[in-house]
């Protein structure tokens, strides 16, 4: 198996623990399953023996595996399902989900040199945008990185609050802002080196990518967000029409 581990972010043994934890969570390694030997794991992932030992120690402390002298290491538990962020289909529900998040502003440009990556069917561009990049966390754990392009006219009305607060609840609370159309598209991707470091996951780990576009009553794009979520935080549930 050819695995690329991130050189920044979590130590390699924790990245390997994430990969093995996923196998247990998916049922690839069910309860009672005997893990491959130390040498087999070293060969499969191309890591040092000490890295595998540290990884197994992490999983053992979590109660997921049990090393048994002379017999091997066996699966004894499954990870808790902590996919708390439900992909919402209404603005109010989305705003509610973000109330207890902790946004951290990592970049802002009030006069970005390049326009936002709008598509032909998104709407009419605003005269100018403010760009913000933020990391959102919950209980101290980062779960998404978001690139926001916000109509500068709206930003300037509440500049201090937009720098510090989650954007969507603030937009919805502004009586002089109308969101006439809102849509989002979700795709599945993998984390590059930069995103992996920001989210504390392994490089090439699965992520959910969401693109959100809000337009006002004139069809002007007032908000564009490109969000990358950790896959282990996302829960997707949809009602299917018969």
C-alpha atoms as a PDB file:
ATOM      1  CA  UNK A   1       0.000   0.000   0.000  1.00  0.00           C
ATOM      2  CA  UNK A   2       1.498   3.353  -1.037  1.00  0.00           C
ATOM      3  CA  UNK A   3       0.643   5.856   1.711  1.00  0.00           C
ATOM      4  CA  UNK A   4       1.920   9.436   1.794  1.00  0.00           C
ATOM      5  CA  UNK A   5       2.216  10.697   5.344  1.00  0.00           C
ATOM      6  CA  UNK A   6       2.212  14.429   6.067  1.00  0.00           C
ATOM      7  CA  UNK A   7       5.556  15.841   7.162  1.00  0.00           C
ATOM      8  CA  UNK A   8       3.787  18.481   9.261  1.00  0.00           C
ATOM      9  CA  UNK A   9       0.849  18.179  11.618  1.00  0.00           C
ATOM     10  CA  UNK A  10       0.341  15.056  13.764  1.00  0.00           C
ATOM     11  CA  UNK A  11       3.276  12.648  14.266  1.00  0.00           C
ATOM     12  CA  UNK A  12       3.457   9.744  11.870  1.00  0.00           C
ATOM     13  CA  UNK A  13       2.336   7.163  14.432  1.00  0.00           C
ATOM     14  CA  UNK A  14      -0.880   9.145  14.988  1.00  0.00           C
ATOM     15  CA  UNK A  15      -1.480   9.359  11.241  1.00  0.00           C
ATOM     16  CA  UNK A  16      -1.038   5.594  11.035  1.00  0.00           C
ATOM     17  CA  UNK A  17      -3.418   5.166  13.988  1.00  0.00           C
ATOM     18  CA  UNK A  18      -6.015   7.168  12.016  1.00  0.00           C
ATOM     19  CA  UNK A  19      -5.706   4.767   9.084  1.00  0.00           C
ATOM     20  CA  UNK A  20      -6.010   1.649  11.229  1.00  0.00           C
ATOM     21  CA  UNK A  21      -8.853   3.188  13.221  1.00  0.00           C
ATOM     22  CA  UNK A  22     -10.752   3.677   9.939  1.00  0.00           C
ATOM     23  CA  UNK A  23     -10.364  -0.025   9.119  1.00  0.00           C
ATOM     24  CA  UNK A  24     -11.877  -0.909  12.489  1.00  0.00           C
ATOM     25  CA  UNK A  25     -14.673   1.660  12.143  1.00  0.00           C
ATOM     26  CA  UNK A  26     -15.632   0.408   8.663  1.00  0.00           C
ATOM     27  CA  UNK A  27     -15.668  -3.219   9.808  1.00  0.00           C
ATOM     28  CA  UNK A  28     -12.734  -4.195   7.586  1.00  0.00           C
ATOM     29  CA  UNK A  29     -11.215  -5.464  10.814  1.00  0.00           C
ATOM     30  CA  UNK A  30     -14.200  -6.694  12.907  1.00  0.00           C
ATOM     31  CA  UNK A  31     -14.182  -7.500  16.602  1.00  0.00           C
ATOM     32  CA  UNK A  32     -11.883 -10.449  17.307  1.00  0.00           C
ATOM     33  CA  UNK A  33      -9.878  -9.919  14.112  1.00  0.00           C
ATOM     34  CA  UNK A  34      -6.143 -10.496  14.450  1.00  0.00           C
ATOM     35  CA  UNK A  35      -4.131  -7.577  13.089  1.00  0.00           C
ATOM     36  CA  UNK A  36      -1.252  -8.193  10.681  1.00  0.00           C
ATOM     37  CA  UNK A  37       2.064  -8.781  12.384  1.00  0.00           C
ATOM     38  CA  UNK A  38       4.449  -5.964  13.226  1.00  0.00           C
ATOM     39  CA  UNK A  39       6.645  -6.811  10.238  1.00  0.00           C
ATOM     40  CA  UNK A  40       3.631  -6.972   7.912  1.00  0.00           C
ATOM     41  CA  UNK A  41       2.462  -3.511   8.993  1.00  0.00           C
ATOM     42  CA  UNK A  42       6.009  -2.138   8.616  1.00  0.00           C
ATOM     43  CA  UNK A  43       6.122  -3.527   5.081  1.00  0.00           C
ATOM     44  CA  UNK A  44       2.641  -2.349   4.127  1.00  0.00           C
ATOM     45  CA  UNK A  45       3.033   1.245   5.275  1.00  0.00           C
ATOM     46  CA  UNK A  46       6.770   1.747   4.866  1.00  0.00           C
ATOM     47  CA  UNK A  47       7.309   3.017   8.425  1.00  0.00           C
ATOM     48  CA  UNK A  48       9.696   2.158  11.234  1.00  0.00           C
ATOM     49  CA  UNK A  49       8.917  -0.583  13.747  1.00  0.00           C
ATOM     50  CA  UNK A  50       8.783   1.967  16.563  1.00  0.00           C
ATOM     51  CA  UNK A  51       6.106   3.895  14.633  1.00  0.00           C
ATOM     52  CA  UNK A  52       3.894   0.800  14.442  1.00  0.00           C
ATOM     53  CA  UNK A  53       4.425   0.063  18.144  1.00  0.00           C
ATOM     54  CA  UNK A  54       3.457   3.620  19.089  1.00  0.00           C
ATOM     55  CA  UNK A  55       0.397   3.388  16.832  1.00  0.00           C
ATOM     56  CA  UNK A  56      -0.769   0.120  18.424  1.00  0.00           C
ATOM     57  CA  UNK A  57      -0.218   1.634  21.867  1.00  0.00           C
ATOM     58  CA  UNK A  58      -2.548   4.542  20.954  1.00  0.00           C
ATOM     59  CA  UNK A  59      -5.267   2.169  19.743  1.00  0.00           C
ATOM     60  CA  UNK A  60      -4.845  -0.026  22.816  1.00  0.00           C
ATOM     61  CA  UNK A  61      -5.307   2.968  25.153  1.00  0.00           C
ATOM     62  CA  UNK A  62      -8.518   3.773  23.258  1.00  0.00           C
ATOM     63  CA  UNK A  63      -9.756   0.228  23.889  1.00  0.00           C
ATOM     64  CA  UNK A  64      -9.834  -0.649  20.190  1.00  0.00           C
ATOM     65  CA  UNK A  65      -7.163  -3.366  20.192  1.00  0.00           C
ATOM     66  CA  UNK A  66      -5.555  -5.691  22.700  1.00  0.00           C
ATOM     67  CA  UNK A  67      -1.949  -6.921  22.238  1.00  0.00           C
ATOM     68  CA  UNK A  68      -1.602 -10.470  23.612  1.00  0.00           C
ATOM     69  CA  UNK A  69       1.822 -11.897  24.301  1.00  0.00           C
ATOM     70  CA  UNK A  70       2.697 -14.687  21.881  1.00  0.00           C
ATOM     71  CA  UNK A  71      -0.657 -14.505  20.056  1.00  0.00           C
ATOM     72  CA  UNK A  72      -0.738 -11.115  18.342  1.00  0.00           C
ATOM     73  CA  UNK A  73      -2.951  -8.034  18.518  1.00  0.00           C
ATOM     74  CA  UNK A  74      -6.733  -8.376  18.314  1.00  0.00           C
ATOM     75  CA  UNK A  75      -9.582  -5.938  17.687  1.00  0.00           C
ATOM     76  CA  UNK A  76     -11.587  -5.486  20.891  1.00  0.00           C
ATOM     77  CA  UNK A  77     -13.736  -2.401  20.235  1.00  0.00           C
ATOM     78  CA  UNK A  78     -15.009   0.117  17.689  1.00  0.00           C
ATOM     79  CA  UNK A  79     -14.492   3.896  17.616  1.00  0.00           C
ATOM     80  CA  UNK A  80     -17.375   6.080  18.748  1.00  0.00           C
ATOM     81  CA  UNK A  81     -19.292   7.734  15.938  1.00  0.00           C
ATOM     82  CA  UNK A  82     -18.612  11.440  16.473  1.00  0.00           C
ATOM     83  CA  UNK A  83     -19.938  12.700  13.160  1.00  0.00           C
ATOM     84  CA  UNK A  84     -21.802  15.594  14.718  1.00  0.00           C
ATOM     85  CA  UNK A  85     -21.889  18.071  11.799  1.00  0.00           C
ATOM     86  CA  UNK A  86     -25.009  17.288   9.786  1.00  0.00           C
ATOM     87  CA  UNK A  87     -25.004  18.705   6.267  1.00  0.00           C
ATOM     88  CA  UNK A  88     -28.023  21.002   6.437  1.00  0.00           C
ATOM     89  CA  UNK A  89     -30.558  21.865   3.779  1.00  0.00           C
ATOM     90  CA  UNK A  90     -31.821  25.111   5.378  1.00  0.00           C
ATOM     91  CA  UNK A  91     -29.968  28.280   6.359  1.00  0.00           C
ATOM     92  CA  UNK A  92     -31.478  28.330   9.842  1.00  0.00           C
ATOM     93  CA  UNK A  93     -30.316  24.776  10.543  1.00  0.00           C
ATOM     94  CA  UNK A  94     -26.837  25.578   9.242  1.00  0.00           C
ATOM     95  CA  UNK A  95     -26.630  28.680  11.425  1.00  0.00           C
ATOM     96  CA  UNK A  96     -27.746  26.663  14.457  1.00  0.00           C
ATOM     97  CA  UNK A  97     -25.005  24.082  13.914  1.00  0.00           C
ATOM     98  CA  UNK A  98     -22.320  26.762  13.899  1.00  0.00           C
ATOM     99  CA  UNK A  99     -23.403  28.490  17.106  1.00  0.00           C
ATOM    100  CA  UNK A 100     -20.993  26.569  19.372  1.00  0.00           C
ATOM    101  CA  UNK A 101     -18.052  26.544  16.976  1.00  0.00           C
ATOM    102  CA  UNK A 102     -14.828  28.436  17.581  1.00  0.00           C
ATOM    103  CA  UNK A 103     -13.742  30.393  14.478  1.00  0.00           C
ATOM    104  CA  UNK A 104     -10.093  31.433  14.168  1.00  0.00           C
ATOM    105  CA  UNK A 105      -9.155  33.956  11.511  1.00  0.00           C
ATOM    106  CA  UNK A 106      -5.884  32.936   9.834  1.00  0.00           C
ATOM    107  CA  UNK A 107      -5.923  35.330   6.843  1.00  0.00           C
ATOM    108  CA  UNK A 108      -7.853  38.385   5.706  1.00  0.00           C
ATOM    109  CA  UNK A 109      -7.518  40.661   2.680  1.00  0.00           C
ATOM    110  CA  UNK A 110      -9.898  43.597   2.316  1.00  0.00           C
ATOM    111  CA  UNK A 111      -8.612  44.321  -1.205  1.00  0.00           C
ATOM    112  CA  UNK A 112      -7.695  40.945  -2.714  1.00  0.00           C
ATOM    113  CA  UNK A 113      -5.839  41.196  -6.028  1.00  0.00           C
ATOM    114  CA  UNK A 114      -7.867  38.431  -7.678  1.00  0.00           C
ATOM    115  CA  UNK A 115     -11.669  38.119  -7.948  1.00  0.00           C
ATOM    116  CA  UNK A 116     -13.434  35.195  -6.256  1.00  0.00           C
ATOM    117  CA  UNK A 117     -13.771  31.970  -8.299  1.00  0.00           C
ATOM    118  CA  UNK A 118     -17.352  32.572  -9.412  1.00  0.00           C
ATOM    119  CA  UNK A 119     -19.036  30.435 -12.061  1.00  0.00           C
ATOM    120  CA  UNK A 120     -21.279  31.621 -14.840  1.00  0.00           C
ATOM    121  CA  UNK A 121     -24.459  30.432 -13.119  1.00  0.00           C
ATOM    122  CA  UNK A 122     -23.582  31.757  -9.638  1.00  0.00           C
ATOM    123  CA  UNK A 123     -24.908  35.270 -10.214  1.00  0.00           C
ATOM    124  CA  UNK A 124     -23.609  38.798 -10.749  1.00  0.00           C
ATOM    125  CA  UNK A 125     -20.325  39.646  -9.018  1.00  0.00           C
ATOM    126  CA  UNK A 126     -20.353  42.356  -6.346  1.00  0.00           C
ATOM    127  CA  UNK A 127     -18.119  45.390  -7.026  1.00  0.00           C
ATOM    128  CA  UNK A 128     -15.525  44.256  -4.455  1.00  0.00           C
ATOM    129  CA  UNK A 129     -15.064  41.418  -1.964  1.00  0.00           C
ATOM    130  CA  UNK A 130     -13.236  40.808   1.283  1.00  0.00           C
ATOM    131  CA  UNK A 131     -11.396  37.500   1.531  1.00  0.00           C
ATOM    132  CA  UNK A 132     -11.136  35.606   4.822  1.00  0.00           C
ATOM    133  CA  UNK A 133      -9.677  32.214   5.638  1.00  0.00           C
ATOM    134  CA  UNK A 134     -10.742  30.653   8.899  1.00  0.00           C
ATOM    135  CA  UNK A 135     -10.335  27.442  10.830  1.00  0.00           C
ATOM    136  CA  UNK A 136     -13.422  26.355  12.772  1.00  0.00           C
ATOM    137  CA  UNK A 137     -13.059  24.169  15.841  1.00  0.00           C
ATOM    138  CA  UNK A 138     -15.374  22.455  18.294  1.00  0.00           C
ATOM    139  CA  UNK A 139     -14.215  21.682  21.814  1.00  0.00           C
ATOM    140  CA  UNK A 140     -10.743  22.718  20.713  1.00  0.00           C
ATOM    141  CA  UNK A 141     -10.593  20.282  17.778  1.00  0.00           C
ATOM    142  CA  UNK A 142     -10.419  21.766  14.251  1.00  0.00           C
ATOM    143  CA  UNK A 143     -13.077  20.358  11.937  1.00  0.00           C
ATOM    144  CA  UNK A 144     -13.089  22.632   8.879  1.00  0.00           C
ATOM    145  CA  UNK A 145     -11.114  25.200   6.912  1.00  0.00           C
ATOM    146  CA  UNK A 146     -13.185  27.819   5.115  1.00  0.00           C
ATOM    147  CA  UNK A 147     -12.315  30.361   2.434  1.00  0.00           C
ATOM    148  CA  UNK A 148     -14.899  33.163   2.409  1.00  0.00           C
ATOM    149  CA  UNK A 149     -15.500  35.867  -0.184  1.00  0.00           C
ATOM    150  CA  UNK A 150     -17.918  38.422   1.287  1.00  0.00           C
ATOM    151  CA  UNK A 151     -19.379  41.477  -0.441  1.00  0.00           C
ATOM    152  CA  UNK A 152     -17.219  44.308   0.916  1.00  0.00           C
ATOM    153  CA  UNK A 153     -20.208  46.625   1.299  1.00  0.00           C
ATOM    154  CA  UNK A 154     -21.733  44.136   3.761  1.00  0.00           C
ATOM    155  CA  UNK A 155     -18.430  43.456   5.505  1.00  0.00           C
ATOM    156  CA  UNK A 156     -17.879  47.151   6.280  1.00  0.00           C
ATOM    157  CA  UNK A 157     -21.232  47.414   8.075  1.00  0.00           C
ATOM    158  CA  UNK A 158     -20.071  44.957  10.749  1.00  0.00           C
ATOM    159  CA  UNK A 159     -16.313  44.685  10.113  1.00  0.00           C
ATOM    160  CA  UNK A 160     -15.324  44.052  13.731  1.00  0.00           C
ATOM    161  CA  UNK A 161     -17.919  41.316  14.189  1.00  0.00           C
ATOM    162  CA  UNK A 162     -17.199  39.644  10.827  1.00  0.00           C
ATOM    163  CA  UNK A 163     -13.554  39.357  11.883  1.00  0.00           C
ATOM    164  CA  UNK A 164     -14.474  37.588  15.125  1.00  0.00           C
ATOM    165  CA  UNK A 165     -17.785  35.766  14.635  1.00  0.00           C
ATOM    166  CA  UNK A 166     -19.170  32.999  12.459  1.00  0.00           C
ATOM    167  CA  UNK A 167     -20.366  34.634   9.250  1.00  0.00           C
ATOM    168  CA  UNK A 168     -23.678  32.907   8.434  1.00  0.00           C
ATOM    169  CA  UNK A 169     -25.505  33.611  11.732  1.00  0.00           C
ATOM    170  CA  UNK A 170     -24.317  37.221  11.518  1.00  0.00           C
ATOM    171  CA  UNK A 171     -25.587  37.566   7.931  1.00  0.00           C
ATOM    172  CA  UNK A 172     -28.972  36.167   8.901  1.00  0.00           C
ATOM    173  CA  UNK A 173     -29.232  38.622  11.800  1.00  0.00           C
ATOM    174  CA  UNK A 174     -28.598  41.686   9.613  1.00  0.00           C
ATOM    175  CA  UNK A 175     -31.986  43.204   8.796  1.00  0.00           C
ATOM    176  CA  UNK A 176     -30.601  45.163   5.841  1.00  0.00           C
ATOM    177  CA  UNK A 177     -29.226  42.029   4.122  1.00  0.00           C
ATOM    178  CA  UNK A 178     -31.467  39.834   1.989  1.00  0.00           C
ATOM    179  CA  UNK A 179     -30.466  36.301   1.036  1.00  0.00           C
ATOM    180  CA  UNK A 180     -32.805  35.538  -1.825  1.00  0.00           C
ATOM    181  CA  UNK A 181     -31.050  32.376  -3.002  1.00  0.00           C
ATOM    182  CA  UNK A 182     -28.686  30.013  -1.217  1.00  0.00           C
ATOM    183  CA  UNK A 183     -27.267  26.756  -2.524  1.00  0.00           C
ATOM    184  CA  UNK A 184     -24.443  24.416  -1.737  1.00  0.00           C
ATOM    185  CA  UNK A 185     -22.708  21.525  -3.449  1.00  0.00           C
ATOM    186  CA  UNK A 186     -20.852  18.764  -1.594  1.00  0.00           C
ATOM    187  CA  UNK A 187     -18.084  16.667  -3.125  1.00  0.00           C
ATOM    188  CA  UNK A 188     -15.600  14.187  -1.666  1.00  0.00           C
ATOM    189  CA  UNK A 189     -11.889  14.835  -1.940  1.00  0.00           C
ATOM    190  CA  UNK A 190      -8.597  14.275  -0.145  1.00  0.00           C
ATOM    191  CA  UNK A 191      -6.513  16.556   2.056  1.00  0.00           C
ATOM    192  CA  UNK A 192      -3.375  18.132   0.630  1.00  0.00           C
ATOM    193  CA  UNK A 193      -0.370  18.882   2.820  1.00  0.00           C
ATOM    194  CA  UNK A 194      -1.550  22.342   3.891  1.00  0.00           C
ATOM    195  CA  UNK A 195      -5.099  21.258   4.766  1.00  0.00           C
ATOM    196  CA  UNK A 196      -3.855  18.154   6.574  1.00  0.00           C
ATOM    197  CA  UNK A 197      -1.718  20.330   8.830  1.00  0.00           C
ATOM    198  CA  UNK A 198      -4.590  22.720   9.566  1.00  0.00           C
ATOM    199  CA  UNK A 199      -7.108  19.969  10.338  1.00  0.00           C
ATOM    200  CA  UNK A 200      -4.742  17.612  12.157  1.00  0.00           C
ATOM    201  CA  UNK A 201      -5.287  14.693   9.768  1.00  0.00           C
ATOM    202  CA  UNK A 202      -3.083  12.612   7.476  1.00  0.00           C
ATOM    203  CA  UNK A 203      -2.268  13.881   4.023  1.00  0.00           C
ATOM    204  CA  UNK A 204      -4.618  12.272   1.457  1.00  0.00           C
ATOM    205  CA  UNK A 205      -7.179  11.558   4.197  1.00  0.00           C
ATOM    206  CA  UNK A 206     -10.776  11.858   2.922  1.00  0.00           C
ATOM    207  CA  UNK A 207     -12.448  15.252   3.286  1.00  0.00           C
ATOM    208  CA  UNK A 208     -15.822  16.725   2.371  1.00  0.00           C
ATOM    209  CA  UNK A 209     -15.669  19.832   0.199  1.00  0.00           C
ATOM    210  CA  UNK A 210     -18.671  22.171   0.271  1.00  0.00           C
ATOM    211  CA  UNK A 211     -19.157  25.183  -1.985  1.00  0.00           C
ATOM    212  CA  UNK A 212     -21.828  27.687  -0.817  1.00  0.00           C
ATOM    213  CA  UNK A 213     -23.191  30.638  -2.778  1.00  0.00           C
ATOM    214  CA  UNK A 214     -25.634  33.272  -1.477  1.00  0.00           C
ATOM    215  CA  UNK A 215     -27.213  35.883  -3.764  1.00  0.00           C
ATOM    216  CA  UNK A 216     -29.405  38.857  -2.931  1.00  0.00           C
ATOM    217  CA  UNK A 217     -32.699  39.853  -4.568  1.00  0.00           C
ATOM    218  CA  UNK A 218     -30.819  41.466  -7.473  1.00  0.00           C
ATOM    219  CA  UNK A 219     -28.899  38.266  -8.192  1.00  0.00           C
ATOM    220  CA  UNK A 220     -25.618  39.644  -6.809  1.00  0.00           C
ATOM    221  CA  UNK A 221     -23.326  37.118  -5.167  1.00  0.00           C
ATOM    222  CA  UNK A 222     -22.867  38.482  -1.661  1.00  0.00           C
ATOM    223  CA  UNK A 223     -21.199  35.397  -0.164  1.00  0.00           C
ATOM    224  CA  UNK A 224     -19.103  32.587  -1.575  1.00  0.00           C
ATOM    225  CA  UNK A 225     -17.559  30.001   0.702  1.00  0.00           C
ATOM    226  CA  UNK A 226     -15.362  27.015  -0.091  1.00  0.00           C
ATOM    227  CA  UNK A 227     -15.306  24.765   2.960  1.00  0.00           C
ATOM    228  CA  UNK A 228     -13.215  21.670   3.621  1.00  0.00           C
ATOM    229  CA  UNK A 229     -14.464  19.426   6.437  1.00  0.00           C
ATOM    230  CA  UNK A 230     -12.766  16.519   8.131  1.00  0.00           C
ATOM    231  CA  UNK A 231     -14.632  13.454   6.904  1.00  0.00           C
ATOM    232  CA  UNK A 232     -14.907  12.090  10.443  1.00  0.00           C
ATOM    233  CA  UNK A 233     -17.015  15.110  11.485  1.00  0.00           C
ATOM    234  CA  UNK A 234     -19.574  14.969   8.683  1.00  0.00           C
ATOM    235  CA  UNK A 235     -22.969  13.267   8.751  1.00  0.00           C
ATOM    236  CA  UNK A 236     -25.126  13.326   5.604  1.00  0.00           C
ATOM    237  CA  UNK A 237     -28.797  12.394   5.881  1.00  0.00           C
ATOM    238  CA  UNK A 238     -31.407  12.962   3.177  1.00  0.00           C
ATOM    239  CA  UNK A 239     -35.088  12.161   2.825  1.00  0.00           C
ATOM    240  CA  UNK A 240     -35.798  10.379  -0.447  1.00  0.00           C
ATOM    241  CA  UNK A 241     -39.054  11.063  -2.221  1.00  0.00           C
ATOM    242  CA  UNK A 242     -40.962   7.851  -3.131  1.00  0.00           C
END
